[in-house]
Amino acid sequence: MRRIHRITANVSLALAVGGATAARAQTPQQHLALGDSAHAAMNPAAALQHYEAGLALEPKSYELLWKAARDAVDVGEHADSKDTRTQMYRSAELYARRAVEANAGDAEGHFHLARSLGRAALALGPRDRIKYATDVRAHALEALKIDPKHPGALHVMGMWNAEVMRLSGPTRWIAKNVLGGKVFNSASWREAVRYMEEAVANEPDRIVHHADLAEIYRDTGNAARARAEWETVLRLKATEYNDRFYKQTATRALAAR
């Protein structure tokens, strides 16, 4: 949530090329396939453009909606501009809400709504952040109700517990007793570790799980396990756009020890 990067000229060029390709696509299915290819190539900006082009033709496509939400968050996560981040997270939230409306019985929509809400909350004031945190937890748990081993939802719950526990004591008290965040009573470092370890167990080759588990271990005083997770981040092959930034964070973390 706290990592920053700049969108490079290469991404801008890819967007221009992706736009030309999108213009030639004729059906939502073609746009979906092009978006999937761009996502696999670790180009979320181009993927998002294709998914949005497909949605212009088929606005209620569940798969296009949750994938648009996924890649909008990926674009926003390391954007330089605060306005760009806010815009991307808001777009992701709207796409994910439409995905849940289109198919409330599938885990992906709930997971991406929880993920986008968690990102969007960063730009809000304390009262709204408490409300968002409640909704993040609710949709992550709904995803896990549908698919108890969903790695993304497990990850969200791990981070939800960790972020609540990272609040200062007085801030947490105000959240629970003044701002109505009673669900904060359920948060603990133990649950943060449990959920994130389950995410790693169910998706061991995904770098982001190890990166955030390392930070949880660090914050709970388990330096040896934190180091092992950072080393795993460096060892694993990058398969997603943001993996290179997690690797940079891991390098800095290991160098500081």
C-alpha atoms as a PDB file:
ATOM      1  CA  MET A   1       0.000   0.000   0.000  1.00  0.00           C
ATOM      2  CA  ARG A   2       2.889   2.316   0.651  1.00  0.00           C
ATOM      3  CA  ARG A   3       5.088   1.615  -2.373  1.00  0.00           C
ATOM      4  CA  ILE A   4       5.569   4.277  -5.144  1.00  0.00           C
ATOM      5  CA  HIS A   5       6.939   4.219  -8.671  1.00  0.00           C
ATOM      6  CA  ARG A   6       6.858   6.243 -11.864  1.00  0.00           C
ATOM      7  CA  ILE A   7       4.954   5.170 -14.977  1.00  0.00           C
ATOM      8  CA  THR A   8       7.620   5.069 -17.668  1.00  0.00           C
ATOM      9  CA  ALA A   9       7.634   6.148 -21.275  1.00  0.00           C
ATOM     10  CA  ASN A  10       7.606   2.477 -22.230  1.00  0.00           C
ATOM     11  CA  VAL A  11       4.184   2.064 -20.655  1.00  0.00           C
ATOM     12  CA  SER A  12       2.955   5.129 -22.527  1.00  0.00           C
ATOM     13  CA  LEU A  13       4.217   3.643 -25.768  1.00  0.00           C
ATOM     14  CA  ALA A  14       2.561   0.335 -24.949  1.00  0.00           C
ATOM     15  CA  LEU A  15      -0.684   2.181 -24.328  1.00  0.00           C
ATOM     16  CA  ALA A  16      -0.479   3.784 -27.750  1.00  0.00           C
ATOM     17  CA  VAL A  17       0.188   0.446 -29.403  1.00  0.00           C
ATOM     18  CA  GLY A  18      -2.484  -1.211 -27.288  1.00  0.00           C
ATOM     19  CA  GLY A  19      -4.943   1.482 -28.296  1.00  0.00           C
ATOM     20  CA  ALA A  20      -4.367   0.817 -31.970  1.00  0.00           C
ATOM     21  CA  THR A  21      -4.839  -2.908 -31.429  1.00  0.00           C
ATOM     22  CA  ALA A  22      -7.968  -2.318 -29.364  1.00  0.00           C
ATOM     23  CA  ALA A  23      -9.428  -0.210 -32.136  1.00  0.00           C
ATOM     24  CA  ARG A  24      -9.144  -3.153 -34.517  1.00  0.00           C
ATOM     25  CA  ALA A  25     -10.797  -5.632 -32.132  1.00  0.00           C
ATOM     26  CA  GLN A  26     -14.437  -6.296 -32.978  1.00  0.00           C
ATOM     27  CA  THR A  27     -15.922  -8.264 -30.082  1.00  0.00           C
ATOM     28  CA  PRO A  28     -15.806  -8.266 -26.272  1.00  0.00           C
ATOM     29  CA  GLN A  29     -14.176 -11.694 -26.439  1.00  0.00           C
ATOM     30  CA  GLN A  30     -11.373 -10.336 -28.600  1.00  0.00           C
ATOM     31  CA  HIS A  31     -10.824  -7.442 -26.227  1.00  0.00           C
ATOM     32  CA  LEU A  32     -10.780  -9.917 -23.332  1.00  0.00           C
ATOM     33  CA  ALA A  33      -8.137 -12.037 -25.034  1.00  0.00           C
ATOM     34  CA  LEU A  34      -6.013  -8.987 -25.826  1.00  0.00           C
ATOM     35  CA  GLY A  35      -6.322  -7.788 -22.255  1.00  0.00           C
ATOM     36  CA  ASP A  36      -5.298 -11.177 -20.917  1.00  0.00           C
ATOM     37  CA  SER A  37      -2.254 -11.179 -23.193  1.00  0.00           C
ATOM     38  CA  ALA A  38      -1.232  -7.705 -22.020  1.00  0.00           C
ATOM     39  CA  HIS A  39      -1.721  -8.713 -18.387  1.00  0.00           C
ATOM     40  CA  ALA A  40       0.425 -11.815 -18.880  1.00  0.00           C
ATOM     41  CA  ALA A  41       3.073  -9.574 -20.446  1.00  0.00           C
ATOM     42  CA  MET A  42       3.021  -7.492 -17.224  1.00  0.00           C
ATOM     43  CA  ASN A  43       1.474  -4.440 -18.889  1.00  0.00           C
ATOM     44  CA  PRO A  44      -1.590  -3.609 -16.767  1.00  0.00           C
ATOM     45  CA  ALA A  45      -2.163  -0.222 -18.422  1.00  0.00           C
ATOM     46  CA  ALA A  46      -2.618  -1.810 -21.847  1.00  0.00           C
ATOM     47  CA  ALA A  47      -4.651  -4.661 -20.340  1.00  0.00           C
ATOM     48  CA  LEU A  48      -7.001  -2.188 -18.665  1.00  0.00           C
ATOM     49  CA  GLN A  49      -7.537  -0.361 -21.936  1.00  0.00           C
ATOM     50  CA  HIS A  50      -8.569  -3.595 -23.641  1.00  0.00           C
ATOM     51  CA  TYR A  51     -10.917  -4.600 -20.821  1.00  0.00           C
ATOM     52  CA  GLU A  52     -12.543  -1.164 -20.891  1.00  0.00           C
ATOM     53  CA  ALA A  53     -12.985  -1.407 -24.657  1.00  0.00           C
ATOM     54  CA  GLY A  54     -14.709  -4.759 -24.153  1.00  0.00           C
ATOM     55  CA  LEU A  55     -16.943  -3.310 -21.458  1.00  0.00           C
ATOM     56  CA  ALA A  56     -18.033  -0.543 -23.810  1.00  0.00           C
ATOM     57  CA  LEU A  57     -19.565  -3.334 -25.892  1.00  0.00           C
ATOM     58  CA  GLU A  58     -20.653  -5.668 -23.102  1.00  0.00           C
ATOM     59  CA  PRO A  59     -21.078  -3.609 -19.892  1.00  0.00           C
ATOM     60  CA  LYS A  60     -22.224  -6.506 -17.696  1.00  0.00           C
ATOM     61  CA  SER A  61     -19.473  -8.979 -18.555  1.00  0.00           C
ATOM     62  CA  TYR A  62     -18.379 -10.371 -15.193  1.00  0.00           C
ATOM     63  CA  GLU A  63     -14.946 -11.451 -16.388  1.00  0.00           C
ATOM     64  CA  LEU A  64     -14.199  -8.129 -18.050  1.00  0.00           C
ATOM     65  CA  LEU A  65     -15.347  -6.264 -14.940  1.00  0.00           C
ATOM     66  CA  TRP A  66     -13.236  -8.069 -12.353  1.00  0.00           C
ATOM     67  CA  LYS A  67     -10.205  -8.064 -14.603  1.00  0.00           C
ATOM     68  CA  ALA A  68     -10.606  -4.322 -15.220  1.00  0.00           C
ATOM     69  CA  ALA A  69     -10.723  -3.834 -11.441  1.00  0.00           C
ATOM     70  CA  ARG A  70      -7.593  -5.970 -11.007  1.00  0.00           C
ATOM     71  CA  ASP A  71      -5.515  -4.063 -13.536  1.00  0.00           C
ATOM     72  CA  ALA A  72      -6.743  -0.634 -12.459  1.00  0.00           C
ATOM     73  CA  VAL A  73      -5.352  -1.352  -8.985  1.00  0.00           C
ATOM     74  CA  ASP A  74      -2.109  -2.610 -10.507  1.00  0.00           C
ATOM     75  CA  VAL A  75      -1.730   0.618 -12.495  1.00  0.00           C
ATOM     76  CA  GLY A  76      -2.492   2.777  -9.477  1.00  0.00           C
ATOM     77  CA  GLU A  77      -0.343   0.979  -6.932  1.00  0.00           C
ATOM     78  CA  HIS A  78       2.971   2.484  -8.001  1.00  0.00           C
ATOM     79  CA  ALA A  79       1.834   5.593  -9.859  1.00  0.00           C
ATOM     80  CA  ASP A  80       3.773   8.788  -9.138  1.00  0.00           C
ATOM     81  CA  SER A  81       0.736  11.030  -9.060  1.00  0.00           C
ATOM     82  CA  LYS A  82      -1.651  10.945  -6.120  1.00  0.00           C
ATOM     83  CA  ASP A  83      -4.434  11.970  -8.485  1.00  0.00           C
ATOM     84  CA  THR A  84      -3.648   9.017 -10.753  1.00  0.00           C
ATOM     85  CA  ARG A  85      -3.674   6.615  -7.816  1.00  0.00           C
ATOM     86  CA  THR A  86      -6.976   7.981  -6.554  1.00  0.00           C
ATOM     87  CA  GLN A  87      -8.519   7.809 -10.021  1.00  0.00           C
ATOM     88  CA  MET A  88      -7.330   4.244 -10.636  1.00  0.00           C
ATOM     89  CA  TYR A  89      -8.525   2.983  -7.247  1.00  0.00           C
ATOM     90  CA  ARG A  90     -11.891   4.655  -7.701  1.00  0.00           C
ATOM     91  CA  SER A  91     -12.259   3.098 -11.149  1.00  0.00           C
ATOM     92  CA  ALA A  92     -11.263  -0.280  -9.724  1.00  0.00           C
ATOM     93  CA  GLU A  93     -13.870   0.036  -6.983  1.00  0.00           C
ATOM     94  CA  LEU A  94     -16.617   0.859  -9.481  1.00  0.00           C
ATOM     95  CA  TYR A  95     -15.668  -2.032 -11.764  1.00  0.00           C
ATOM     96  CA  ALA A  96     -15.542  -4.426  -8.836  1.00  0.00           C
ATOM     97  CA  ARG A  97     -18.943  -3.302  -7.528  1.00  0.00           C
ATOM     98  CA  ARG A  98     -20.405  -3.932 -10.971  1.00  0.00           C
ATOM     99  CA  ALA A  99     -18.728  -7.337 -11.013  1.00  0.00           C
ATOM    100  CA  VAL A 100     -20.363  -8.273  -7.700  1.00  0.00           C
ATOM    101  CA  GLU A 101     -23.702  -7.103  -9.068  1.00  0.00           C
ATOM    102  CA  ALA A 102     -23.191  -9.248 -12.146  1.00  0.00           C
ATOM    103  CA  ASN A 103     -22.215 -12.371 -10.190  1.00  0.00           C
ATOM    104  CA  ALA A 104     -22.404 -12.191  -6.407  1.00  0.00           C
ATOM    105  CA  GLY A 105     -21.784 -15.920  -6.095  1.00  0.00           C
ATOM    106  CA  ASP A 106     -18.184 -15.891  -7.331  1.00  0.00           C
ATOM    107  CA  ALA A 107     -15.180 -15.065  -5.165  1.00  0.00           C
ATOM    108  CA  GLU A 108     -13.241 -12.939  -7.673  1.00  0.00           C
ATOM    109  CA  GLY A 109     -15.635 -10.001  -7.638  1.00  0.00           C
ATOM    110  CA  HIS A 110     -15.692  -9.817  -3.835  1.00  0.00           C
ATOM    111  CA  PHE A 111     -11.917 -10.152  -3.636  1.00  0.00           C
ATOM    112  CA  HIS A 112     -11.249  -7.368  -6.114  1.00  0.00           C
ATOM    113  CA  LEU A 113     -13.804  -5.141  -4.413  1.00  0.00           C
ATOM    114  CA  ALA A 114     -12.051  -5.709  -1.080  1.00  0.00           C
ATOM    115  CA  ARG A 115      -8.676  -5.031  -2.704  1.00  0.00           C
ATOM    116  CA  SER A 116      -9.786  -1.836  -4.459  1.00  0.00           C
ATOM    117  CA  LEU A 117     -11.533  -0.517  -1.349  1.00  0.00           C
ATOM    118  CA  GLY A 118      -8.386  -1.072   0.663  1.00  0.00           C
ATOM    119  CA  ARG A 119      -6.398   0.999  -1.809  1.00  0.00           C
ATOM    120  CA  ALA A 120      -9.045   3.724  -2.144  1.00  0.00           C
ATOM    121  CA  ALA A 121      -9.222   4.117   1.655  1.00  0.00           C
ATOM    122  CA  LEU A 122      -5.670   5.477   1.734  1.00  0.00           C
ATOM    123  CA  ALA A 123      -6.840   8.830   0.380  1.00  0.00           C
ATOM    124  CA  LEU A 124      -9.736   9.229   2.835  1.00  0.00           C
ATOM    125  CA  GLY A 125     -10.172  10.838   6.244  1.00  0.00           C
ATOM    126  CA  PRO A 126     -10.320   8.768   9.464  1.00  0.00           C
ATOM    127  CA  ARG A 127     -14.097   8.286   9.594  1.00  0.00           C
ATOM    128  CA  ASP A 128     -14.374   7.165   5.965  1.00  0.00           C
ATOM    129  CA  ARG A 129     -11.325   4.939   6.316  1.00  0.00           C
ATOM    130  CA  ILE A 130     -13.037   3.105   9.182  1.00  0.00           C
ATOM    131  CA  LYS A 131     -16.102   2.549   7.009  1.00  0.00           C
ATOM    132  CA  TYR A 132     -13.974   1.305   4.140  1.00  0.00           C
ATOM    133  CA  ALA A 133     -12.046  -1.001   6.459  1.00  0.00           C
ATOM    134  CA  THR A 134     -15.322  -2.579   7.539  1.00  0.00           C
ATOM    135  CA  ASP A 135     -16.334  -3.133   3.922  1.00  0.00           C
ATOM    136  CA  VAL A 136     -12.887  -4.516   3.005  1.00  0.00           C
ATOM    137  CA  ARG A 137     -13.209  -7.138   5.716  1.00  0.00           C
ATOM    138  CA  ALA A 138     -16.792  -7.981   4.753  1.00  0.00           C
ATOM    139  CA  HIS A 139     -16.022  -8.607   1.087  1.00  0.00           C
ATOM    140  CA  ALA A 140     -12.797 -10.507   1.805  1.00  0.00           C
ATOM    141  CA  LEU A 141     -14.710 -12.794   4.166  1.00  0.00           C
ATOM    142  CA  GLU A 142     -17.473 -13.219   1.585  1.00  0.00           C
ATOM    143  CA  ALA A 143     -14.859 -14.305  -0.963  1.00  0.00           C
ATOM    144  CA  LEU A 144     -13.493 -16.815   1.554  1.00  0.00           C
ATOM    145  CA  LYS A 145     -16.995 -18.073   2.270  1.00  0.00           C
ATOM    146  CA  ILE A 146     -17.311 -18.910  -1.431  1.00  0.00           C
ATOM    147  CA  ASP A 147     -13.717 -20.133  -1.808  1.00  0.00           C
ATOM    148  CA  PRO A 148     -12.029 -20.805   1.562  1.00  0.00           C
ATOM    149  CA  LYS A 149      -8.606 -21.145  -0.066  1.00  0.00           C
ATOM    150  CA  HIS A 150      -8.724 -18.054  -2.246  1.00  0.00           C
ATOM    151  CA  PRO A 151      -5.139 -16.729  -1.967  1.00  0.00           C
ATOM    152  CA  GLY A 152      -6.041 -13.122  -2.708  1.00  0.00           C
ATOM    153  CA  ALA A 153      -8.795 -12.975  -0.107  1.00  0.00           C
ATOM    154  CA  LEU A 154      -6.529 -14.657   2.451  1.00  0.00           C
ATOM    155  CA  HIS A 155      -3.930 -12.008   1.661  1.00  0.00           C
ATOM    156  CA  VAL A 156      -6.444  -9.175   2.108  1.00  0.00           C
ATOM    157  CA  MET A 157      -7.442 -10.535   5.515  1.00  0.00           C
ATOM    158  CA  GLY A 158      -3.809 -10.845   6.538  1.00  0.00           C
ATOM    159  CA  MET A 159      -3.178  -7.241   5.556  1.00  0.00           C
ATOM    160  CA  TRP A 160      -6.438  -6.082   7.157  1.00  0.00           C
ATOM    161  CA  ASN A 161      -5.358  -7.484  10.510  1.00  0.00           C
ATOM    162  CA  ALA A 162      -1.840  -6.111  10.105  1.00  0.00           C
ATOM    163  CA  GLU A 163      -2.967  -2.603   9.166  1.00  0.00           C
ATOM    164  CA  VAL A 164      -5.343  -2.419  12.120  1.00  0.00           C
ATOM    165  CA  MET A 165      -2.603  -3.575  14.483  1.00  0.00           C
ATOM    166  CA  ARG A 166      -0.193  -1.013  13.019  1.00  0.00           C
ATOM    167  CA  LEU A 167      -2.461   1.788  14.197  1.00  0.00           C
ATOM    168  CA  SER A 168      -1.389   3.449  17.419  1.00  0.00           C
ATOM    169  CA  GLY A 169      -3.251   2.400  20.548  1.00  0.00           C
ATOM    170  CA  PRO A 170      -5.162   5.688  20.902  1.00  0.00           C
ATOM    171  CA  THR A 171      -6.087   5.709  17.204  1.00  0.00           C
ATOM    172  CA  ARG A 172      -7.382   2.153  17.431  1.00  0.00           C
ATOM    173  CA  TRP A 173      -9.416   3.048  20.546  1.00  0.00           C
ATOM    174  CA  ILE A 174     -11.001   6.027  18.791  1.00  0.00           C
ATOM    175  CA  ALA A 175     -11.755   3.890  15.749  1.00  0.00           C
ATOM    176  CA  LYS A 176     -13.494   1.253  17.831  1.00  0.00           C
ATOM    177  CA  ASN A 177     -15.284   3.422  20.368  1.00  0.00           C
ATOM    178  CA  VAL A 178     -15.956   6.727  18.604  1.00  0.00           C
ATOM    179  CA  LEU A 179     -16.015   6.035  14.872  1.00  0.00           C
ATOM    180  CA  GLY A 180     -17.971   2.795  15.041  1.00  0.00           C
ATOM    181  CA  GLY A 181     -15.250   0.386  13.975  1.00  0.00           C
ATOM    182  CA  LYS A 182     -16.269  -2.432  16.312  1.00  0.00           C
ATOM    183  CA  VAL A 183     -14.933  -5.061  13.913  1.00  0.00           C
ATOM    184  CA  PHE A 184     -11.469  -3.785  14.803  1.00  0.00           C
ATOM    185  CA  ASN A 185     -11.823  -5.790  18.014  1.00  0.00           C
ATOM    186  CA  SER A 186     -11.287  -8.942  15.948  1.00  0.00           C
ATOM    187  CA  ALA A 187      -7.883  -7.828  14.641  1.00  0.00           C
ATOM    188  CA  SER A 188      -4.661  -9.366  15.949  1.00  0.00           C
ATOM    189  CA  TRP A 189      -1.103 -10.013  14.852  1.00  0.00           C
ATOM    190  CA  ARG A 190      -1.777 -13.709  15.259  1.00  0.00           C
ATOM    191  CA  GLU A 191      -4.542 -13.534  12.659  1.00  0.00           C
ATOM    192  CA  ALA A 192      -2.382 -11.402  10.379  1.00  0.00           C
ATOM    193  CA  VAL A 193       0.296 -14.106  10.413  1.00  0.00           C
ATOM    194  CA  ARG A 194      -2.202 -16.951  10.031  1.00  0.00           C
ATOM    195  CA  TYR A 195      -4.006 -15.491   7.034  1.00  0.00           C
ATOM    196  CA  MET A 196      -0.827 -14.455   5.234  1.00  0.00           C
ATOM    197  CA  GLU A 197       0.839 -17.811   5.840  1.00  0.00           C
ATOM    198  CA  GLU A 198      -2.244 -19.469   4.343  1.00  0.00           C
ATOM    199  CA  ALA A 199      -2.002 -17.189   1.304  1.00  0.00           C
ATOM    200  CA  VAL A 200       1.622 -18.277   0.827  1.00  0.00           C
ATOM    201  CA  ALA A 201       0.708 -21.949   1.296  1.00  0.00           C
ATOM    202  CA  ASN A 202      -2.019 -21.753  -1.338  1.00  0.00           C
ATOM    203  CA  GLU A 203      -0.017 -19.690  -3.848  1.00  0.00           C
ATOM    204  CA  PRO A 204       3.671 -20.212  -2.983  1.00  0.00           C
ATOM    205  CA  ASP A 205       5.112 -18.750  -6.190  1.00  0.00           C
ATOM    206  CA  ARG A 206       3.388 -15.374  -5.959  1.00  0.00           C
ATOM    207  CA  ILE A 207       5.869 -12.746  -4.822  1.00  0.00           C
ATOM    208  CA  VAL A 208       3.455 -10.298  -3.198  1.00  0.00           C
ATOM    209  CA  HIS A 209       2.418 -12.851  -0.555  1.00  0.00           C
ATOM    210  CA  HIS A 210       6.006 -13.334   0.563  1.00  0.00           C
ATOM    211  CA  ALA A 211       6.716  -9.590   0.491  1.00  0.00           C
ATOM    212  CA  ASP A 212       3.830  -8.698   2.781  1.00  0.00           C
ATOM    213  CA  LEU A 213       4.416 -11.711   5.029  1.00  0.00           C
ATOM    214  CA  ALA A 214       8.004 -10.488   5.473  1.00  0.00           C
ATOM    215  CA  GLU A 215       6.719  -7.141   6.719  1.00  0.00           C
ATOM    216  CA  ILE A 216       4.316  -8.820   9.122  1.00  0.00           C
ATOM    217  CA  TYR A 217       7.118 -10.996  10.497  1.00  0.00           C
ATOM    218  CA  ARG A 218       9.272  -7.878  10.839  1.00  0.00           C
ATOM    219  CA  ASP A 219       6.567  -6.017  12.731  1.00  0.00           C
ATOM    220  CA  THR A 220       6.005  -8.956  15.080  1.00  0.00           C
ATOM    221  CA  GLY A 221       9.694  -9.179  15.912  1.00  0.00           C
ATOM    222  CA  ASN A 222      10.497 -12.333  13.934  1.00  0.00           C
ATOM    223  CA  ALA A 223      13.586 -11.089  12.107  1.00  0.00           C
ATOM    224  CA  ALA A 224      14.776 -14.522  10.955  1.00  0.00           C
ATOM    225  CA  ARG A 225      11.503 -15.363   9.237  1.00  0.00           C
ATOM    226  CA  ALA A 226      11.264 -11.882   7.747  1.00  0.00           C
ATOM    227  CA  ARG A 227      14.701 -12.318   6.231  1.00  0.00           C
ATOM    228  CA  ALA A 228      13.760 -15.725   4.823  1.00  0.00           C
ATOM    229  CA  GLU A 229      10.688 -14.226   3.137  1.00  0.00           C
ATOM    230  CA  TRP A 230      12.680 -11.340   1.641  1.00  0.00           C
ATOM    231  CA  GLU A 231      15.182 -13.872   0.294  1.00  0.00           C
ATOM    232  CA  THR A 232      12.299 -15.811  -1.246  1.00  0.00           C
ATOM    233  CA  VAL A 233      11.072 -12.626  -2.918  1.00  0.00           C
ATOM    234  CA  LEU A 234      14.460 -12.230  -4.582  1.00  0.00           C
ATOM    235  CA  ARG A 235      14.657 -15.881  -5.579  1.00  0.00           C
ATOM    236  CA  LEU A 236      11.227 -16.170  -7.201  1.00  0.00           C
ATOM    237  CA  LYS A 237      10.671 -15.281 -10.847  1.00  0.00           C
ATOM    238  CA  ALA A 238       8.769 -12.052 -11.473  1.00  0.00           C
ATOM    239  CA  THR A 239       5.421 -12.868 -13.068  1.00  0.00           C
ATOM    240  CA  GLU A 240       3.435  -9.686 -12.365  1.00  0.00           C
ATOM    241  CA  TYR A 241       3.971  -6.015 -13.148  1.00  0.00           C
ATOM    242  CA  ASN A 242       4.589  -4.935  -9.558  1.00  0.00           C
ATOM    243  CA  ASP A 243       6.963  -7.793  -8.699  1.00  0.00           C
ATOM    244  CA  ARG A 244      10.027  -5.743  -9.640  1.00  0.00           C
ATOM    245  CA  PHE A 245       9.113  -3.190  -6.991  1.00  0.00           C
ATOM    246  CA  TYR A 246       8.685  -5.882  -4.345  1.00  0.00           C
ATOM    247  CA  LYS A 247      12.139  -7.145  -5.283  1.00  0.00           C
ATOM    248  CA  GLN A 248      13.572  -3.657  -4.861  1.00  0.00           C
ATOM    249  CA  THR A 249      11.974  -3.430  -1.419  1.00  0.00           C
ATOM    250  CA  ALA A 250      13.381  -6.834  -0.492  1.00  0.00           C
ATOM    251  CA  THR A 251      16.870  -5.787  -1.564  1.00  0.00           C
ATOM    252  CA  ARG A 252      16.688  -2.669   0.589  1.00  0.00           C
ATOM    253  CA  ALA A 253      15.312  -4.603   3.555  1.00  0.00           C
ATOM    254  CA  LEU A 254      18.092  -7.186   3.419  1.00  0.00           C
ATOM    255  CA  ALA A 255      20.786  -4.549   2.990  1.00  0.00           C
ATOM    256  CA  ALA A 256      19.551  -2.737   6.101  1.00  0.00           C
ATOM    257  CA  ARG A 257      20.007  -5.811   8.319  1.00  0.00           C
END
